[in-house]
Amino acid sequence: MSVAIKRATVYFDSSLHRVLRLKSAETSRSVSELVNEAVSTALHEDLDDLEIFQKRAHEPTISLESALKELKRNGKI
């Protein structure tokens, strides 16, 4: 399966870029590979979070004020 590749310009903080280049050299992987993997991982985590939020959408909610009152009533604070 062929994957289309798009070029983008990304600006890194100089210290992050230095560490990224070091990791690239140490792992024999390109900076692009490392960045693609990091972005893919972050987006996958976002997708997981959205699925969890969707499953919990109908759960009852409680206000912060109510939660604090309950903690105080139970001697937790």
N, C-alpha and C. Protein backbone atom coordinates (compact mmCIF):
# COMPACT_ATOMS: atom_id res chain seq x y z
N MET A 1 0.85 -1.18 0.00
CA MET A 1 0.00 0.00 0.00
C MET A 1 0.88 1.23 0.00
N SER A 2 0.72 2.09 -0.94
CA SER A 2 1.51 3.31 -1.06
C SER A 2 0.85 4.43 -0.27
N VAL A 3 1.65 5.16 0.48
CA VAL A 3 1.14 6.26 1.29
C VAL A 3 1.57 7.57 0.66
N ALA A 4 0.62 8.47 0.45
CA ALA A 4 0.94 9.78 -0.10
C ALA A 4 1.68 10.58 0.96
N ILE A 5 2.72 11.24 0.56
CA ILE A 5 3.52 12.03 1.50
C ILE A 5 3.36 13.50 1.15
N LYS A 6 3.10 14.31 2.16
CA LYS A 6 2.97 15.75 2.00
C LYS A 6 4.09 16.42 2.77
N ARG A 7 4.58 17.49 2.23
CA ARG A 7 5.66 18.24 2.86
C ARG A 7 5.05 19.38 3.67
N ALA A 8 5.63 19.63 4.85
CA ALA A 8 5.18 20.74 5.71
C ALA A 8 6.38 21.35 6.40
N THR A 9 6.26 22.61 6.69
CA THR A 9 7.31 23.29 7.45
C THR A 9 6.86 23.38 8.90
N VAL A 10 7.71 22.90 9.80
CA VAL A 10 7.40 22.92 11.23
C VAL A 10 8.55 23.61 11.94
N TYR A 11 8.22 24.52 12.84
CA TYR A 11 9.24 25.23 13.59
C TYR A 11 9.28 24.69 15.01
N PHE A 12 10.48 24.28 15.44
CA PHE A 12 10.68 23.73 16.78
C PHE A 12 11.48 24.70 17.63
N ASP A 13 11.24 24.66 18.91
CA ASP A 13 12.12 25.33 19.86
C ASP A 13 13.52 24.73 19.64
N SER A 14 14.55 25.55 19.72
CA SER A 14 15.90 25.08 19.37
C SER A 14 16.34 23.90 20.24
N SER A 15 16.00 23.91 21.51
CA SER A 15 16.42 22.79 22.37
C SER A 15 15.67 21.51 22.01
N LEU A 16 14.39 21.62 21.65
CA LEU A 16 13.64 20.44 21.21
C LEU A 16 14.21 19.90 19.90
N HIS A 17 14.56 20.80 19.01
CA HIS A 17 15.11 20.37 17.72
C HIS A 17 16.44 19.65 17.91
N ARG A 18 17.26 20.15 18.82
CA ARG A 18 18.55 19.50 19.10
C ARG A 18 18.34 18.08 19.62
N VAL A 19 17.42 17.93 20.56
CA VAL A 19 17.14 16.60 21.11
C VAL A 19 16.52 15.69 20.06
N LEU A 20 15.67 16.24 19.24
CA LEU A 20 15.07 15.46 18.16
C LEU A 20 16.12 14.95 17.19
N ARG A 21 17.08 15.81 16.83
CA ARG A 21 18.17 15.39 15.94
C ARG A 21 19.03 14.31 16.60
N LEU A 22 19.29 14.45 17.92
CA LEU A 22 20.07 13.44 18.64
C LEU A 22 19.34 12.09 18.64
N LYS A 23 18.03 12.15 18.91
CA LYS A 23 17.25 10.90 18.90
C LYS A 23 17.24 10.29 17.52
N SER A 24 17.16 11.12 16.51
CA SER A 24 17.19 10.64 15.13
C SER A 24 18.48 9.88 14.86
N ALA A 25 19.59 10.46 15.26
CA ALA A 25 20.89 9.82 15.04
C ALA A 25 21.02 8.54 15.85
N GLU A 26 20.54 8.58 17.09
CA GLU A 26 20.67 7.41 17.96
C GLU A 26 19.82 6.24 17.50
N THR A 27 18.66 6.53 16.92
CA THR A 27 17.73 5.47 16.53
C THR A 27 17.80 5.12 15.05
N SER A 28 18.66 5.83 14.31
CA SER A 28 18.77 5.64 12.85
C SER A 28 17.43 5.82 12.16
N ARG A 29 16.65 6.76 12.67
CA ARG A 29 15.36 7.11 12.07
C ARG A 29 15.40 8.59 11.72
N SER A 30 14.72 8.96 10.67
CA SER A 30 14.72 10.36 10.27
C SER A 30 13.87 11.19 11.23
N VAL A 31 14.16 12.48 11.24
CA VAL A 31 13.35 13.40 12.04
C VAL A 31 11.90 13.31 11.59
N SER A 32 11.68 13.21 10.30
CA SER A 32 10.31 13.08 9.78
C SER A 32 9.60 11.86 10.34
N GLU A 33 10.31 10.73 10.39
CA GLU A 33 9.70 9.51 10.95
C GLU A 33 9.32 9.72 12.40
N LEU A 34 10.21 10.33 13.16
CA LEU A 34 9.94 10.56 14.58
C LEU A 34 8.75 11.49 14.79
N VAL A 35 8.70 12.56 14.00
CA VAL A 35 7.60 13.52 14.12
C VAL A 35 6.29 12.87 13.67
N ASN A 36 6.31 12.14 12.56
CA ASN A 36 5.10 11.45 12.10
C ASN A 36 4.57 10.49 13.16
N GLU A 37 5.47 9.74 13.78
CA GLU A 37 5.06 8.79 14.81
C GLU A 37 4.46 9.52 16.01
N ALA A 38 5.08 10.61 16.43
CA ALA A 38 4.59 11.37 17.58
C ALA A 38 3.21 11.97 17.30
N VAL A 39 3.03 12.52 16.11
CA VAL A 39 1.73 13.11 15.75
C VAL A 39 0.67 12.02 15.64
N SER A 40 1.02 10.91 15.03
CA SER A 40 0.08 9.80 14.90
C SER A 40 -0.34 9.28 16.28
N THR A 41 0.62 9.15 17.18
CA THR A 41 0.32 8.69 18.54
C THR A 41 -0.61 9.66 19.25
N ALA A 42 -0.33 10.95 19.14
CA ALA A 42 -1.17 11.97 19.78
C ALA A 42 -2.59 11.95 19.23
N LEU A 43 -2.73 11.82 17.92
CA LEU A 43 -4.06 11.78 17.31
C LEU A 43 -4.81 10.52 17.70
N HIS A 44 -4.10 9.40 17.80
CA HIS A 44 -4.73 8.15 18.24
C HIS A 44 -5.25 8.29 19.67
N GLU A 45 -4.46 8.93 20.53
CA GLU A 45 -4.89 9.17 21.91
C GLU A 45 -6.12 10.06 21.93
N ASP A 46 -6.16 11.08 21.05
CA ASP A 46 -7.34 11.94 20.96
C ASP A 46 -8.57 11.13 20.55
N LEU A 47 -8.40 10.24 19.59
CA LEU A 47 -9.51 9.41 19.14
C LEU A 47 -10.00 8.53 20.27
N ASP A 48 -9.09 7.92 21.02
CA ASP A 48 -9.47 7.11 22.18
C ASP A 48 -10.26 7.94 23.19
N ASP A 49 -9.77 9.16 23.47
CA ASP A 49 -10.46 10.04 24.41
C ASP A 49 -11.87 10.36 23.93
N LEU A 50 -12.01 10.68 22.65
CA LEU A 50 -13.33 11.01 22.11
C LEU A 50 -14.29 9.83 22.22
N GLU A 51 -13.79 8.62 21.99
CA GLU A 51 -14.64 7.43 22.12
C GLU A 51 -15.09 7.25 23.56
N ILE A 52 -14.19 7.49 24.51
CA ILE A 52 -14.53 7.38 25.92
C ILE A 52 -15.56 8.44 26.30
N PHE A 53 -15.35 9.68 25.84
CA PHE A 53 -16.32 10.75 26.13
C PHE A 53 -17.69 10.40 25.58
N GLN A 54 -17.71 9.84 24.38
CA GLN A 54 -18.98 9.48 23.76
C GLN A 54 -19.69 8.39 24.57
N LYS A 55 -18.95 7.40 25.05
CA LYS A 55 -19.55 6.32 25.85
C LYS A 55 -20.11 6.85 27.17
N ARG A 56 -19.47 7.91 27.70
CA ARG A 56 -19.88 8.44 29.00
C ARG A 56 -20.82 9.64 28.89
N ALA A 57 -21.26 9.97 27.68
CA ALA A 57 -22.05 11.19 27.45
C ALA A 57 -23.35 11.22 28.26
N HIS A 58 -23.91 10.07 28.55
CA HIS A 58 -25.21 10.03 29.22
C HIS A 58 -25.09 9.76 30.72
N GLU A 59 -23.88 9.75 31.24
CA GLU A 59 -23.71 9.59 32.68
C GLU A 59 -24.15 10.86 33.39
N PRO A 60 -24.69 10.70 34.59
CA PRO A 60 -25.10 11.91 35.32
C PRO A 60 -23.87 12.75 35.68
N THR A 61 -24.09 14.04 35.75
CA THR A 61 -23.00 14.95 36.11
C THR A 61 -23.26 15.52 37.50
N ILE A 62 -22.21 16.02 38.11
CA ILE A 62 -22.31 16.65 39.41
C ILE A 62 -21.49 17.92 39.37
N SER A 63 -22.01 18.97 39.97
CA SER A 63 -21.28 20.24 39.96
C SER A 63 -20.13 20.17 40.95
N LEU A 64 -19.17 21.03 40.75
CA LEU A 64 -18.04 21.10 41.67
C LEU A 64 -18.53 21.44 43.07
N GLU A 65 -19.46 22.37 43.15
CA GLU A 65 -20.00 22.77 44.46
C GLU A 65 -20.62 21.57 45.18
N SER A 66 -21.40 20.77 44.47
CA SER A 66 -22.03 19.59 45.08
C SER A 66 -20.98 18.57 45.50
N ALA A 67 -19.97 18.37 44.67
CA ALA A 67 -18.92 17.41 45.00
C ALA A 67 -18.16 17.85 46.25
N LEU A 68 -17.86 19.14 46.35
CA LEU A 68 -17.16 19.65 47.53
C LEU A 68 -18.01 19.52 48.79
N LYS A 69 -19.30 19.80 48.68
CA LYS A 69 -20.21 19.66 49.83
C LYS A 69 -20.27 18.20 50.28
N GLU A 70 -20.29 17.29 49.32
CA GLU A 70 -20.33 15.86 49.66
C GLU A 70 -19.05 15.43 50.35
N LEU A 71 -17.90 15.90 49.88
CA LEU A 71 -16.63 15.59 50.53
C LEU A 71 -16.60 16.13 51.96
N LYS A 72 -17.11 17.34 52.15
CA LYS A 72 -17.14 17.94 53.49
C LYS A 72 -18.09 17.15 54.39
N ARG A 73 -19.25 16.78 53.88
CA ARG A 73 -20.24 16.02 54.65
C ARG A 73 -19.68 14.67 55.08
N ASN A 74 -18.83 14.07 54.23
CA ASN A 74 -18.23 12.77 54.54
C ASN A 74 -16.91 12.87 55.32
N GLY A 75 -16.55 14.09 55.70
CA GLY A 75 -15.34 14.30 56.49
C GLY A 75 -14.04 14.13 55.70
N LYS A 76 -14.12 14.23 54.39
CA LYS A 76 -12.91 14.07 53.55
C LYS A 76 -12.14 15.37 53.44
N ILE A 77 -12.83 16.50 53.62
CA ILE A 77 -12.14 17.81 53.63
C ILE A 77 -12.67 18.64 54.76
